[in-house]
Amino acid sequence: MKKAMTLFASVSLGFLVSACGGPEMEEVDADGSTLTTAEQAICEGYGPGAVCTYKCTSASEWKFVGGVAWGDCQDVANSRCGHTAYGACWSR
């Protein structure tokens, strides 16, 4: 019984940590395509020193904006691009 409780607690903690630390990312752009694996590697998740990272189109360069509040990255990216950004996420 103790092993089962330890396993349950470990799995539960793992889910909690992954849910809290996952990146905020829009992976699909307006035409339904997704970010490539290399592009997804840029998105490391929100944490100390994280910056909002965005790309306006699939062909544009990644840009970085500091001082963005948690949850506001996509809105800031859309505003800067003038349309729905191709991708927006947190990087460190």
PDB file of N, CA and C in Angstrom:
ATOM      1  N   MET A   1       0.823  -1.196   0.000  1.00  0.00           N
ATOM      2  CA  MET A   1       0.000   0.000   0.000  1.00  0.00           C
ATOM      3  C   MET A   1       0.866   1.259   0.000  1.00  0.00           C
ATOM      4  N   LYS A   2       1.963   1.236   0.784  1.00  0.00           N
ATOM      5  CA  LYS A   2       2.826   2.412   0.861  1.00  0.00           C
ATOM      6  C   LYS A   2       3.472   2.704  -0.494  1.00  0.00           C
ATOM      7  N   LYS A   3       3.877   1.638  -1.236  1.00  0.00           N
ATOM      8  CA  LYS A   3       4.476   1.840  -2.554  1.00  0.00           C
ATOM      9  C   LYS A   3       3.469   2.454  -3.525  1.00  0.00           C
ATOM     10  N   ALA A   4       2.224   2.011  -3.441  1.00  0.00           N
ATOM     11  CA  ALA A   4       1.183   2.548  -4.316  1.00  0.00           C
ATOM     12  C   ALA A   4       0.943   4.028  -4.023  1.00  0.00           C
ATOM     13  N   MET A   5       0.931   4.393  -2.747  1.00  0.00           N
ATOM     14  CA  MET A   5       0.717   5.799  -2.378  1.00  0.00           C
ATOM     15  C   MET A   5       1.902   6.659  -2.824  1.00  0.00           C
ATOM     16  N   THR A   6       3.110   6.125  -2.691  1.00  0.00           N
ATOM     17  CA  THR A   6       4.305   6.858  -3.120  1.00  0.00           C
ATOM     18  C   THR A   6       4.279   7.066  -4.629  1.00  0.00           C
ATOM     19  N   LEU A   7       3.914   6.020  -5.378  1.00  0.00           N
ATOM     20  CA  LEU A   7       3.826   6.133  -6.826  1.00  0.00           C
ATOM     21  C   LEU A   7       2.759   7.150  -7.221  1.00  0.00           C
ATOM     22  N   PHE A   8       1.603   7.074  -6.591  1.00  0.00           N
ATOM     23  CA  PHE A   8       0.519   8.016  -6.883  1.00  0.00           C
ATOM     24  C   PHE A   8       0.960   9.450  -6.595  1.00  0.00           C
ATOM     25  N   ALA A   9       1.614   9.664  -5.466  1.00  0.00           N
ATOM     26  CA  ALA A   9       2.073  11.013  -5.104  1.00  0.00           C
ATOM     27  C   ALA A   9       3.115  11.514  -6.096  1.00  0.00           C
ATOM     28  N   SER A  10       4.019  10.641  -6.525  1.00  0.00           N
ATOM     29  CA  SER A  10       5.055  11.039  -7.485  1.00  0.00           C
ATOM     30  C   SER A  10       4.450  11.421  -8.828  1.00  0.00           C
ATOM     31  N   VAL A  11       3.518  10.607  -9.311  1.00  0.00           N
ATOM     32  CA  VAL A  11       2.871  10.892 -10.589  1.00  0.00           C
ATOM     33  C   VAL A  11       2.056  12.182 -10.498  1.00  0.00           C
ATOM     34  N   SER A  12       1.333  12.357  -9.402  1.00  0.00           N
ATOM     35  CA  SER A  12       0.528  13.573  -9.220  1.00  0.00           C
ATOM     36  C   SER A  12       1.403  14.812  -9.199  1.00  0.00           C
ATOM     37  N   LEU A  13       2.511  14.747  -8.491  1.00  0.00           N
ATOM     38  CA  LEU A  13       3.429  15.884  -8.426  1.00  0.00           C
ATOM     39  C   LEU A  13       4.005  16.177  -9.804  1.00  0.00           C
ATOM     40  N   GLY A  14       4.338  15.138 -10.554  1.00  0.00           N
ATOM     41  CA  GLY A  14       4.860  15.326 -11.905  1.00  0.00           C
ATOM     42  C   GLY A  14       3.877  16.052 -12.801  1.00  0.00           C
ATOM     43  N   PHE A  15       2.597  15.653 -12.739  1.00  0.00           N
ATOM     44  CA  PHE A  15       1.576  16.334 -13.533  1.00  0.00           C
ATOM     45  C   PHE A  15       1.426  17.790 -13.101  1.00  0.00           C
ATOM     46  N   LEU A  16       1.461  18.041 -11.805  1.00  0.00           N
ATOM     47  CA  LEU A  16       1.314  19.400 -11.297  1.00  0.00           C
ATOM     48  C   LEU A  16       2.455  20.286 -11.778  1.00  0.00           C
ATOM     49  N   VAL A  17       3.678  19.788 -11.670  1.00  0.00           N
ATOM     50  CA  VAL A  17       4.843  20.569 -12.085  1.00  0.00           C
ATOM     51  C   VAL A  17       4.801  20.837 -13.582  1.00  0.00           C
ATOM     52  N   SER A  18       4.462  19.824 -14.380  1.00  0.00           N
ATOM     53  CA  SER A  18       4.429  20.042 -15.823  1.00  0.00           C
ATOM     54  C   SER A  18       3.302  20.996 -16.208  1.00  0.00           C
ATOM     55  N   ALA A  19       2.186  20.954 -15.504  1.00  0.00           N
ATOM     56  CA  ALA A  19       1.069  21.859 -15.813  1.00  0.00           C
ATOM     57  C   ALA A  19       1.418  23.297 -15.471  1.00  0.00           C
ATOM     58  N   CYS A  20       2.165  23.505 -14.419  1.00  0.00           N
ATOM     59  CA  CYS A  20       2.499  24.868 -13.997  1.00  0.00           C
ATOM     60  C   CYS A  20       3.644  25.461 -14.797  1.00  0.00           C
ATOM     61  N   GLY A  21       4.540  24.641 -15.300  1.00  0.00           N
ATOM     62  CA  GLY A  21       5.740  25.161 -15.943  1.00  0.00           C
ATOM     63  C   GLY A  21       5.721  25.117 -17.449  1.00  0.00           C
ATOM     64  N   GLY A  22       4.639  24.699 -18.045  1.00  0.00           N
ATOM     65  CA  GLY A  22       4.593  24.572 -19.497  1.00  0.00           C
ATOM     66  C   GLY A  22       4.570  25.923 -20.181  1.00  0.00           C
ATOM     67  N   PRO A  23       5.070  25.971 -21.418  1.00  0.00           N
ATOM     68  CA  PRO A  23       5.104  27.238 -22.126  1.00  0.00           C
ATOM     69  C   PRO A  23       3.724  27.685 -22.584  1.00  0.00           C
ATOM     70  N   GLU A  24       3.574  28.990 -22.650  1.00  0.00           N
ATOM     71  CA  GLU A  24       2.382  29.551 -23.272  1.00  0.00           C
ATOM     72  C   GLU A  24       2.747  29.705 -24.732  1.00  0.00           C
ATOM     73  N   MET A  25       2.041  28.989 -25.614  1.00  0.00           N
ATOM     74  CA  MET A  25       2.443  29.048 -27.007  1.00  0.00           C
ATOM     75  C   MET A  25       1.248  28.832 -27.913  1.00  0.00           C
ATOM     76  N   GLU A  26       1.173  29.635 -28.925  1.00  0.00           N
ATOM     77  CA  GLU A  26       0.237  29.412 -30.001  1.00  0.00           C
ATOM     78  C   GLU A  26       1.022  28.677 -31.070  1.00  0.00           C
ATOM     79  N   GLU A  27       0.737  27.400 -31.270  1.00  0.00           N
ATOM     80  CA  GLU A  27       1.510  26.609 -32.211  1.00  0.00           C
ATOM     81  C   GLU A  27       0.949  26.639 -33.626  1.00  0.00           C
ATOM     82  N   VAL A  28      -0.273  27.097 -33.797  1.00  0.00           N
ATOM     83  CA  VAL A  28      -0.901  27.066 -35.114  1.00  0.00           C
ATOM     84  C   VAL A  28      -1.119  28.481 -35.603  1.00  0.00           C
ATOM     85  N   ASP A  29      -0.715  28.748 -36.841  1.00  0.00           N
ATOM     86  CA  ASP A  29      -0.934  30.086 -37.379  1.00  0.00           C
ATOM     87  C   ASP A  29      -2.279  30.153 -38.088  1.00  0.00           C
ATOM     88  N   ALA A  30      -2.573  31.281 -38.699  1.00  0.00           N
ATOM     89  CA  ALA A  30      -3.894  31.521 -39.279  1.00  0.00           C
ATOM     90  C   ALA A  30      -4.262  30.525 -40.377  1.00  0.00           C
ATOM     91  N   ASP A  31      -3.284  30.027 -41.144  1.00  0.00           N
ATOM     92  CA  ASP A  31      -3.627  29.091 -42.220  1.00  0.00           C
ATOM     93  C   ASP A  31      -3.559  27.634 -41.775  1.00  0.00           C
ATOM     94  N   GLY A  32      -3.369  27.388 -40.485  1.00  0.00           N
ATOM     95  CA  GLY A  32      -3.430  26.037 -39.948  1.00  0.00           C
ATOM     96  C   GLY A  32      -2.101  25.310 -39.887  1.00  0.00           C
ATOM     97  N   SER A  33      -1.005  25.906 -40.361  1.00  0.00           N
ATOM     98  CA  SER A  33       0.281  25.230 -40.271  1.00  0.00           C
ATOM     99  C   SER A  33       0.829  25.353 -38.851  1.00  0.00           C
ATOM    100  N   THR A  34       1.766  24.512 -38.500  1.00  0.00           N
ATOM    101  CA  THR A  34       2.313  24.521 -37.144  1.00  0.00           C
ATOM    102  C   THR A  34       3.776  24.948 -37.156  1.00  0.00           C
ATOM    103  N   LEU A  35       4.250  25.365 -36.007  1.00  0.00           N
ATOM    104  CA  LEU A  35       5.662  25.707 -35.870  1.00  0.00           C
ATOM    105  C   LEU A  35       6.501  24.451 -36.035  1.00  0.00           C
ATOM    106  N   THR A  36       7.679  24.596 -36.613  1.00  0.00           N
ATOM    107  CA  THR A  36       8.561  23.449 -36.780  1.00  0.00           C
ATOM    108  C   THR A  36       9.171  23.066 -35.439  1.00  0.00           C
ATOM    109  N   THR A  37       9.759  21.881 -35.379  1.00  0.00           N
ATOM    110  CA  THR A  37      10.402  21.413 -34.157  1.00  0.00           C
ATOM    111  C   THR A  37      11.504  22.370 -33.725  1.00  0.00           C
ATOM    112  N   ALA A  38      12.272  22.884 -34.677  1.00  0.00           N
ATOM    113  CA  ALA A  38      13.349  23.819 -34.345  1.00  0.00           C
ATOM    114  C   ALA A  38      12.787  25.099 -33.753  1.00  0.00           C
ATOM    115  N   GLU A  39      11.660  25.568 -34.275  1.00  0.00           N
ATOM    116  CA  GLU A  39      11.047  26.775 -33.754  1.00  0.00           C
ATOM    117  C   GLU A  39      10.481  26.535 -32.361  1.00  0.00           C
ATOM    118  N   GLN A  40       9.923  25.374 -32.113  1.00  0.00           N
ATOM    119  CA  GLN A  40       9.369  25.070 -30.802  1.00  0.00           C
ATOM    120  C   GLN A  40      10.458  25.039 -29.738  1.00  0.00           C
ATOM    121  N   ALA A  41      11.694  24.720 -30.124  1.00  0.00           N
ATOM    122  CA  ALA A  41      12.803  24.683 -29.166  1.00  0.00           C
ATOM    123  C   ALA A  41      13.084  26.059 -28.590  1.00  0.00           C
ATOM    124  N   ILE A  42      12.707  27.118 -29.283  1.00  0.00           N
ATOM    125  CA  ILE A  42      12.881  28.489 -28.791  1.00  0.00           C
ATOM    126  C   ILE A  42      11.981  28.722 -27.586  1.00  0.00           C
ATOM    127  N   CYS A  43      10.855  28.064 -27.554  1.00  0.00           N
ATOM    128  CA  CYS A  43       9.850  28.262 -26.522  1.00  0.00           C
ATOM    129  C   CYS A  43      10.156  27.391 -25.313  1.00  0.00           C
ATOM    130  N   GLU A  44      10.675  28.015 -24.269  1.00  0.00           N
ATOM    131  CA  GLU A  44      11.139  27.275 -23.101  1.00  0.00           C
ATOM    132  C   GLU A  44      10.207  27.374 -21.907  1.00  0.00           C
ATOM    133  N   GLY A  45       9.222  28.213 -21.970  1.00  0.00           N
ATOM    134  CA  GLY A  45       8.302  28.343 -20.853  1.00  0.00           C
ATOM    135  C   GLY A  45       8.550  29.582 -20.024  1.00  0.00           C
ATOM    136  N   TYR A  46       7.552  29.934 -19.244  1.00  0.00           N
ATOM    137  CA  TYR A  46       7.618  31.129 -18.416  1.00  0.00           C
ATOM    138  C   TYR A  46       8.393  30.835 -17.138  1.00  0.00           C
ATOM    139  N   GLY A  47       9.269  31.718 -16.753  1.00  0.00           N
ATOM    140  CA  GLY A  47      10.039  31.592 -15.529  1.00  0.00           C
ATOM    141  C   GLY A  47      10.817  32.868 -15.302  1.00  0.00           C
ATOM    142  N   PRO A  48      11.647  32.902 -14.279  1.00  0.00           N
ATOM    143  CA  PRO A  48      12.438  34.098 -14.012  1.00  0.00           C
ATOM    144  C   PRO A  48      13.264  34.501 -15.234  1.00  0.00           C
ATOM    145  N   GLY A  49      13.132  35.730 -15.634  1.00  0.00           N
ATOM    146  CA  GLY A  49      13.891  36.241 -16.773  1.00  0.00           C
ATOM    147  C   GLY A  49      13.286  35.921 -18.127  1.00  0.00           C
ATOM    148  N   ALA A  50      12.118  35.309 -18.167  1.00  0.00           N
ATOM    149  CA  ALA A  50      11.493  34.956 -19.445  1.00  0.00           C
ATOM    150  C   ALA A  50      11.049  36.206 -20.192  1.00  0.00           C
ATOM    151  N   VAL A  51      11.142  36.144 -21.510  1.00  0.00           N
ATOM    152  CA  VAL A  51      10.680  37.235 -22.366  1.00  0.00           C
ATOM    153  C   VAL A  51       9.644  36.685 -23.341  1.00  0.00           C
ATOM    154  N   CYS A  52       8.752  37.540 -23.755  1.00  0.00           N
ATOM    155  CA  CYS A  52       7.759  37.175 -24.760  1.00  0.00           C
ATOM    156  C   CYS A  52       8.481  37.112 -26.106  1.00  0.00           C
ATOM    157  N   THR A  53       8.377  35.987 -26.761  1.00  0.00           N
ATOM    158  CA  THR A  53       9.049  35.753 -28.032  1.00  0.00           C
ATOM    159  C   THR A  53       7.971  35.569 -29.090  1.00  0.00           C
ATOM    160  N   TYR A  54       8.094  36.260 -30.209  1.00  0.00           N
ATOM    161  CA  TYR A  54       7.062  36.145 -31.228  1.00  0.00           C
ATOM    162  C   TYR A  54       7.633  36.240 -32.633  1.00  0.00           C
ATOM    163  N   LYS A  55       6.845  35.741 -33.566  1.00  0.00           N
ATOM    164  CA  LYS A  55       7.201  35.743 -34.979  1.00  0.00           C
ATOM    165  C   LYS A  55       5.929  36.118 -35.733  1.00  0.00           C
ATOM    166  N   CYS A  56       5.985  37.170 -36.536  1.00  0.00           N
ATOM    167  CA  CYS A  56       4.780  37.656 -37.212  1.00  0.00           C
ATOM    168  C   CYS A  56       4.341  36.751 -38.360  1.00  0.00           C
ATOM    169  N   THR A  57       5.287  36.250 -39.136  1.00  0.00           N
ATOM    170  CA  THR A  57       4.984  35.341 -40.245  1.00  0.00           C
ATOM    171  C   THR A  57       5.970  34.185 -40.208  1.00  0.00           C
ATOM    172  N   SER A  58       5.699  33.159 -40.977  1.00  0.00           N
ATOM    173  CA  SER A  58       6.610  32.010 -40.990  1.00  0.00           C
ATOM    174  C   SER A  58       7.987  32.391 -41.519  1.00  0.00           C
ATOM    175  N   ALA A  59       8.076  33.418 -42.342  1.00  0.00           N
ATOM    176  CA  ALA A  59       9.349  33.828 -42.933  1.00  0.00           C
ATOM    177  C   ALA A  59      10.067  34.918 -42.137  1.00  0.00           C
ATOM    178  N   SER A  60       9.420  35.502 -41.146  1.00  0.00           N
ATOM    179  CA  SER A  60      10.049  36.597 -40.391  1.00  0.00           C
ATOM    180  C   SER A  60      10.963  36.048 -39.300  1.00  0.00           C
ATOM    181  N   GLU A  61      11.751  36.938 -38.722  1.00  0.00           N
ATOM    182  CA  GLU A  61      12.664  36.586 -37.634  1.00  0.00           C
ATOM    183  C   GLU A  61      11.918  36.583 -36.308  1.00  0.00           C
ATOM    184  N   TRP A  62      12.429  35.804 -35.339  1.00  0.00           N
ATOM    185  CA  TRP A  62      11.877  35.842 -33.981  1.00  0.00           C
ATOM    186  C   TRP A  62      12.268  37.162 -33.336  1.00  0.00           C
ATOM    187  N   LYS A  63      11.340  37.783 -32.621  1.00  0.00           N
ATOM    188  CA  LYS A  63      11.588  39.031 -31.898  1.00  0.00           C
ATOM    189  C   LYS A  63      11.274  38.801 -30.429  1.00  0.00           C
ATOM    190  N   PHE A  64      11.894  39.596 -29.569  1.00  0.00           N
ATOM    191  CA  PHE A  64      11.765  39.425 -28.130  1.00  0.00           C
ATOM    192  C   PHE A  64      11.292  40.712 -27.480  1.00  0.00           C
ATOM    193  N   VAL A  65      10.395  40.589 -26.495  1.00  0.00           N
ATOM    194  CA  VAL A  65       9.890  41.746 -25.752  1.00  0.00           C
ATOM    195  C   VAL A  65       9.936  41.407 -24.269  1.00  0.00           C
ATOM    196  N   GLY A  66      10.667  42.193 -23.494  1.00  0.00           N
ATOM    197  CA  GLY A  66      10.719  41.989 -22.049  1.00  0.00           C
ATOM    198  C   GLY A  66       9.626  42.773 -21.350  1.00  0.00           C
ATOM    199  N   GLY A  67       9.388  42.449 -20.095  1.00  0.00           N
ATOM    200  CA  GLY A  67       8.432  43.184 -19.286  1.00  0.00           C
ATOM    201  C   GLY A  67       6.979  42.903 -19.602  1.00  0.00           C
ATOM    202  N   VAL A  68       6.699  41.787 -20.234  1.00  0.00           N
ATOM    203  CA  VAL A  68       5.319  41.416 -20.567  1.00  0.00           C
ATOM    204  C   VAL A  68       4.771  40.558 -19.430  1.00  0.00           C
ATOM    205  N   ALA A  69       3.568  40.861 -18.984  1.00  0.00           N
ATOM    206  CA  ALA A  69       2.954  40.106 -17.888  1.00  0.00           C
ATOM    207  C   ALA A  69       2.531  38.720 -18.366  1.00  0.00           C
ATOM    208  N   TRP A  70       2.531  37.765 -17.417  1.00  0.00           N
ATOM    209  CA  TRP A  70       2.092  36.408 -17.710  1.00  0.00           C
ATOM    210  C   TRP A  70       0.690  36.447 -18.315  1.00  0.00           C
ATOM    211  N   GLY A  71       0.492  35.740 -19.404  1.00  0.00           N
ATOM    212  CA  GLY A  71      -0.804  35.688 -20.052  1.00  0.00           C
ATOM    213  C   GLY A  71      -1.007  36.729 -21.138  1.00  0.00           C
ATOM    214  N   ASP A  72      -0.084  37.681 -21.272  1.00  0.00           N
ATOM    215  CA  ASP A  72      -0.250  38.767 -22.240  1.00  0.00           C
ATOM    216  C   ASP A  72       0.618  38.618 -23.488  1.00  0.00           C
ATOM    217  N   CYS A  73       1.420  37.573 -23.574  1.00  0.00           N
ATOM    218  CA  CYS A  73       2.372  37.434 -24.681  1.00  0.00           C
ATOM    219  C   CYS A  73       1.676  37.420 -26.038  1.00  0.00           C
ATOM    220  N   GLN A  74       0.642  36.616 -26.204  1.00  0.00           N
ATOM    221  CA  GLN A  74      -0.039  36.531 -27.503  1.00  0.00           C
ATOM    222  C   GLN A  74      -0.638  37.874 -27.890  1.00  0.00           C
ATOM    223  N   ASP A  75      -1.253  38.576 -26.944  1.00  0.00           N
ATOM    224  CA  ASP A  75      -1.847  39.881 -27.247  1.00  0.00           C
ATOM    225  C   ASP A  75      -0.785  40.904 -27.642  1.00  0.00           C
ATOM    226  N   VAL A  76       0.357  40.896 -26.952  1.00  0.00           N
ATOM    227  CA  VAL A  76       1.449  41.813 -27.286  1.00  0.00           C
ATOM    228  C   VAL A  76       1.978  41.487 -28.681  1.00  0.00           C
ATOM    229  N   ALA A  77       2.162  40.207 -28.976  1.00  0.00           N
ATOM    230  CA  ALA A  77       2.655  39.801 -30.295  1.00  0.00           C
ATOM    231  C   ALA A  77       1.686  40.227 -31.397  1.00  0.00           C
ATOM    232  N   ASN A  78       0.411  39.987 -31.190  1.00  0.00           N
ATOM    233  CA  ASN A  78      -0.595  40.383 -32.181  1.00  0.00           C
ATOM    234  C   ASN A  78      -0.571  41.888 -32.410  1.00  0.00           C
ATOM    235  N   SER A  79      -0.436  42.654 -31.328  1.00  0.00           N
ATOM    236  CA  SER A  79      -0.396  44.108 -31.426  1.00  0.00           C
ATOM    237  C   SER A  79       0.829  44.576 -32.210  1.00  0.00           C
ATOM    238  N   ARG A  80       1.966  43.997 -31.909  1.00  0.00           N
ATOM    239  CA  ARG A  80       3.201  44.398 -32.594  1.00  0.00           C
ATOM    240  C   ARG A  80       3.181  44.011 -34.068  1.00  0.00           C
ATOM    241  N   CYS A  81       2.579  42.869 -34.384  1.00  0.00           N
ATOM    242  CA  CYS A  81       2.517  42.404 -35.778  1.00  0.00           C
ATOM    243  C   CYS A  81       1.421  43.111 -36.577  1.00  0.00           C
ATOM    244  N   GLY A  82       0.373  43.579 -35.901  1.00  0.00           N
ATOM    245  CA  GLY A  82      -0.752  44.186 -36.592  1.00  0.00           C
ATOM    246  C   GLY A  82      -1.748  43.150 -37.098  1.00  0.00           C
ATOM    247  N   HIS A  83      -1.537  41.905 -36.728  1.00  0.00           N
ATOM    248  CA  HIS A  83      -2.417  40.792 -37.085  1.00  0.00           C
ATOM    249  C   HIS A  83      -2.083  39.640 -36.146  1.00  0.00           C
ATOM    250  N   THR A  84      -2.776  38.534 -36.258  1.00  0.00           N
ATOM    251  CA  THR A  84      -2.464  37.388 -35.403  1.00  0.00           C
ATOM    252  C   THR A  84      -1.050  36.902 -35.701  1.00  0.00           C
ATOM    253  N   ALA A  85      -0.214  36.884 -34.697  1.00  0.00           N
ATOM    254  CA  ALA A  85       1.175  36.465 -34.867  1.00  0.00           C
ATOM    255  C   ALA A  85       1.254  35.001 -35.281  1.00  0.00           C
ATOM    256  N   TYR A  86       2.242  34.671 -36.090  1.00  0.00           N
ATOM    257  CA  TYR A  86       2.487  33.291 -36.513  1.00  0.00           C
ATOM    258  C   TYR A  86       2.754  32.405 -35.305  1.00  0.00           C
ATOM    259  N   GLY A  87       3.527  32.934 -34.338  1.00  0.00           N
ATOM    260  CA  GLY A  87       3.820  32.188 -33.126  1.00  0.00           C
ATOM    261  C   GLY A  87       4.168  33.136 -32.000  1.00  0.00           C
ATOM    262  N   ALA A  88       3.799  32.753 -30.776  1.00  0.00           N
ATOM    263  CA  ALA A  88       4.123  33.549 -29.593  1.00  0.00           C
ATOM    264  C   ALA A  88       4.317  32.590 -28.425  1.00  0.00           C
ATOM    265  N   CYS A  89       5.389  32.796 -27.661  1.00  0.00           N
ATOM    266  CA  CYS A  89       5.665  31.919 -26.530  1.00  0.00           C
ATOM    267  C   CYS A  89       6.661  32.608 -25.596  1.00  0.00           C
ATOM    268  N   TRP A  90       7.039  31.930 -24.528  1.00  0.00           N
ATOM    269  CA  TRP A  90       8.005  32.452 -23.564  1.00  0.00           C
ATOM    270  C   TRP A  90       9.343  31.790 -23.768  1.00  0.00           C
ATOM    271  N   SER A  91      10.416  32.569 -23.754  1.00  0.00           N
ATOM    272  CA  SER A  91      11.779  32.051 -23.813  1.00  0.00           C
ATOM    273  C   SER A  91      12.616  32.663 -22.712  1.00  0.00           C
ATOM    274  N   ARG A  92      13.654  31.962 -22.370  1.00  0.00           N
ATOM    275  CA  ARG A  92      14.589  32.452 -21.351  1.00  0.00           C
ATOM    276  C   ARG A  92      15.957  32.586 -21.925  1.00  0.00           C
TER     277      ARG A  92
END
